[in-house]
Amino acid sequence: MSCSDFEQLDEKQLADLRLDVVASLFVCGTLDCLEIGQRLVEAGFSGRYYVLIPELPDPQIIVDEITQSCPSIDIQVVTNPLLI
């Protein structure tokens, strides 16, 4: 699903999808990965969320921030230098 499609889904529509795994870019359309995580939690998502990011000195910061706000999500960061 594209970023623009995801942005248009409401909480019920996301819940109806019954997603087990979600992957997104660090910034997807007008949402960043924290906002995406929060929307997923509001929809009852408790699966694995992969965030694709460029290489960063400490990607754990992203994991910690999302985990603090969205503890029910299993956050995994995937780094790729081609995303810069």
C-alpha atoms as a PDB file:
ATOM      1  CA  MET A   1       0.000   0.000   0.000  1.00  0.00           C
ATOM      2  CA  SER A   2       1.353   3.425  -0.810  1.00  0.00           C
ATOM      3  CA  CYS A   3       1.896   6.173   1.752  1.00  0.00           C
ATOM      4  CA  SER A   4      -0.966   8.200   0.349  1.00  0.00           C
ATOM      5  CA  ASP A   5      -3.321   5.211   0.653  1.00  0.00           C
ATOM      6  CA  PHE A   6      -2.249   4.619   4.263  1.00  0.00           C
ATOM      7  CA  GLU A   7      -2.755   8.288   5.148  1.00  0.00           C
ATOM      8  CA  GLN A   8      -6.378   8.107   4.004  1.00  0.00           C
ATOM      9  CA  LEU A   9      -7.313   5.096   6.146  1.00  0.00           C
ATOM     10  CA  ASP A  10      -9.103   5.741   9.416  1.00  0.00           C
ATOM     11  CA  GLU A  11      -8.666   3.697  12.607  1.00  0.00           C
ATOM     12  CA  LYS A  12     -11.470   1.250  11.775  1.00  0.00           C
ATOM     13  CA  GLN A  13     -10.203   0.653   8.242  1.00  0.00           C
ATOM     14  CA  LEU A  14      -6.713  -0.056   9.573  1.00  0.00           C
ATOM     15  CA  ALA A  15      -8.131  -2.427  12.186  1.00  0.00           C
ATOM     16  CA  ASP A  16     -10.192  -4.229   9.530  1.00  0.00           C
ATOM     17  CA  LEU A  17      -6.990  -5.002   7.604  1.00  0.00           C
ATOM     18  CA  ARG A  18      -5.731  -7.115  10.535  1.00  0.00           C
ATOM     19  CA  LEU A  19      -2.118  -6.484   9.676  1.00  0.00           C
ATOM     20  CA  ASP A  20       0.637  -8.627  11.205  1.00  0.00           C
ATOM     21  CA  VAL A  21       3.587  -6.781   9.671  1.00  0.00           C
ATOM     22  CA  VAL A  22       3.987  -3.212   8.470  1.00  0.00           C
ATOM     23  CA  ALA A  23       6.987  -1.635   6.742  1.00  0.00           C
ATOM     24  CA  SER A  24       7.430   2.024   5.960  1.00  0.00           C
ATOM     25  CA  LEU A  25      10.037   4.574   5.150  1.00  0.00           C
ATOM     26  CA  PHE A  26      11.248   6.846   7.972  1.00  0.00           C
ATOM     27  CA  VAL A  27       9.048   9.547   6.420  1.00  0.00           C
ATOM     28  CA  CYS A  28       6.091   8.346   4.399  1.00  0.00           C
ATOM     29  CA  GLY A  29       4.075  11.069   2.707  1.00  0.00           C
ATOM     30  CA  THR A  30       3.100  13.563   5.399  1.00  0.00           C
ATOM     31  CA  LEU A  31       3.658  11.081   8.269  1.00  0.00           C
ATOM     32  CA  ASP A  32       6.857  10.095  10.002  1.00  0.00           C
ATOM     33  CA  CYS A  33       7.454   6.652  11.486  1.00  0.00           C
ATOM     34  CA  LEU A  34       6.362   7.709  14.994  1.00  0.00           C
ATOM     35  CA  GLU A  35       3.022   9.005  13.681  1.00  0.00           C
ATOM     36  CA  ILE A  36       2.551   5.811  11.687  1.00  0.00           C
ATOM     37  CA  GLY A  37       3.276   3.749  14.808  1.00  0.00           C
ATOM     38  CA  GLN A  38       0.769   5.762  16.823  1.00  0.00           C
ATOM     39  CA  ARG A  39      -1.932   5.325  14.178  1.00  0.00           C
ATOM     40  CA  LEU A  40      -1.244   1.593  14.093  1.00  0.00           C
ATOM     41  CA  VAL A  41      -1.568   1.303  17.888  1.00  0.00           C
ATOM     42  CA  GLU A  42      -4.843   3.243  17.805  1.00  0.00           C
ATOM     43  CA  ALA A  43      -6.096   0.651  15.318  1.00  0.00           C
ATOM     44  CA  GLY A  44      -5.120  -2.222  17.624  1.00  0.00           C
ATOM     45  CA  PHE A  45      -1.979  -3.278  15.747  1.00  0.00           C
ATOM     46  CA  SER A  46       0.490  -5.217  17.887  1.00  0.00           C
ATOM     47  CA  GLY A  47       2.670  -6.847  15.249  1.00  0.00           C
ATOM     48  CA  ARG A  48       6.092  -6.097  13.851  1.00  0.00           C
ATOM     49  CA  TYR A  49       6.784  -2.679  12.347  1.00  0.00           C
ATOM     50  CA  TYR A  50       9.832  -2.298  10.094  1.00  0.00           C
ATOM     51  CA  VAL A  51      11.120   1.236   9.577  1.00  0.00           C
ATOM     52  CA  LEU A  52      13.427   1.751   6.615  1.00  0.00           C
ATOM     53  CA  ILE A  53      15.938   4.480   7.361  1.00  0.00           C
ATOM     54  CA  PRO A  54      19.183   5.792   5.900  1.00  0.00           C
ATOM     55  CA  GLU A  55      22.331   4.891   7.811  1.00  0.00           C
ATOM     56  CA  LEU A  56      22.391   6.868  11.045  1.00  0.00           C
ATOM     57  CA  PRO A  57      25.011   6.999  13.799  1.00  0.00           C
ATOM     58  CA  ASP A  58      22.512   5.654  16.379  1.00  0.00           C
ATOM     59  CA  PRO A  59      19.337   4.141  14.890  1.00  0.00           C
ATOM     60  CA  GLN A  60      18.400   2.861  18.363  1.00  0.00           C
ATOM     61  CA  ILE A  61      17.118   6.386  19.080  1.00  0.00           C
ATOM     62  CA  ILE A  62      14.300   5.773  16.596  1.00  0.00           C
ATOM     63  CA  VAL A  63      13.477   2.402  18.130  1.00  0.00           C
ATOM     64  CA  ASP A  64      13.450   3.893  21.638  1.00  0.00           C
ATOM     65  CA  GLU A  65      11.185   6.796  20.663  1.00  0.00           C
ATOM     66  CA  ILE A  66       8.605   4.598  18.953  1.00  0.00           C
ATOM     67  CA  THR A  67       8.778   1.959  21.707  1.00  0.00           C
ATOM     68  CA  GLN A  68       8.173   4.586  24.372  1.00  0.00           C
ATOM     69  CA  SER A  69       5.090   5.898  22.568  1.00  0.00           C
ATOM     70  CA  CYS A  70       3.913   2.557  21.150  1.00  0.00           C
ATOM     71  CA  PRO A  71       5.006  -0.254  23.515  1.00  0.00           C
ATOM     72  CA  SER A  72       2.730  -2.861  21.925  1.00  0.00           C
ATOM     73  CA  ILE A  73       4.588  -2.690  18.609  1.00  0.00           C
ATOM     74  CA  ASP A  74       7.668  -4.792  17.856  1.00  0.00           C
ATOM     75  CA  ILE A  75       9.763  -2.128  16.124  1.00  0.00           C
ATOM     76  CA  GLN A  76      12.633  -3.133  13.860  1.00  0.00           C
ATOM     77  CA  VAL A  77      14.891  -0.648  12.080  1.00  0.00           C
ATOM     78  CA  VAL A  78      16.332  -1.556   8.701  1.00  0.00           C
ATOM     79  CA  THR A  79      19.144   0.703   7.548  1.00  0.00           C
ATOM     80  CA  ASN A  80      19.934   1.282   3.915  1.00  0.00           C
ATOM     81  CA  PRO A  81      22.483   3.823   2.683  1.00  0.00           C
ATOM     82  CA  LEU A  82      20.537   4.163  -0.581  1.00  0.00           C
ATOM     83  CA  LEU A  83      17.705   5.905   1.289  1.00  0.00           C
ATOM     84  CA  ILE A  84      19.777   9.048   1.868  1.00  0.00           C
END
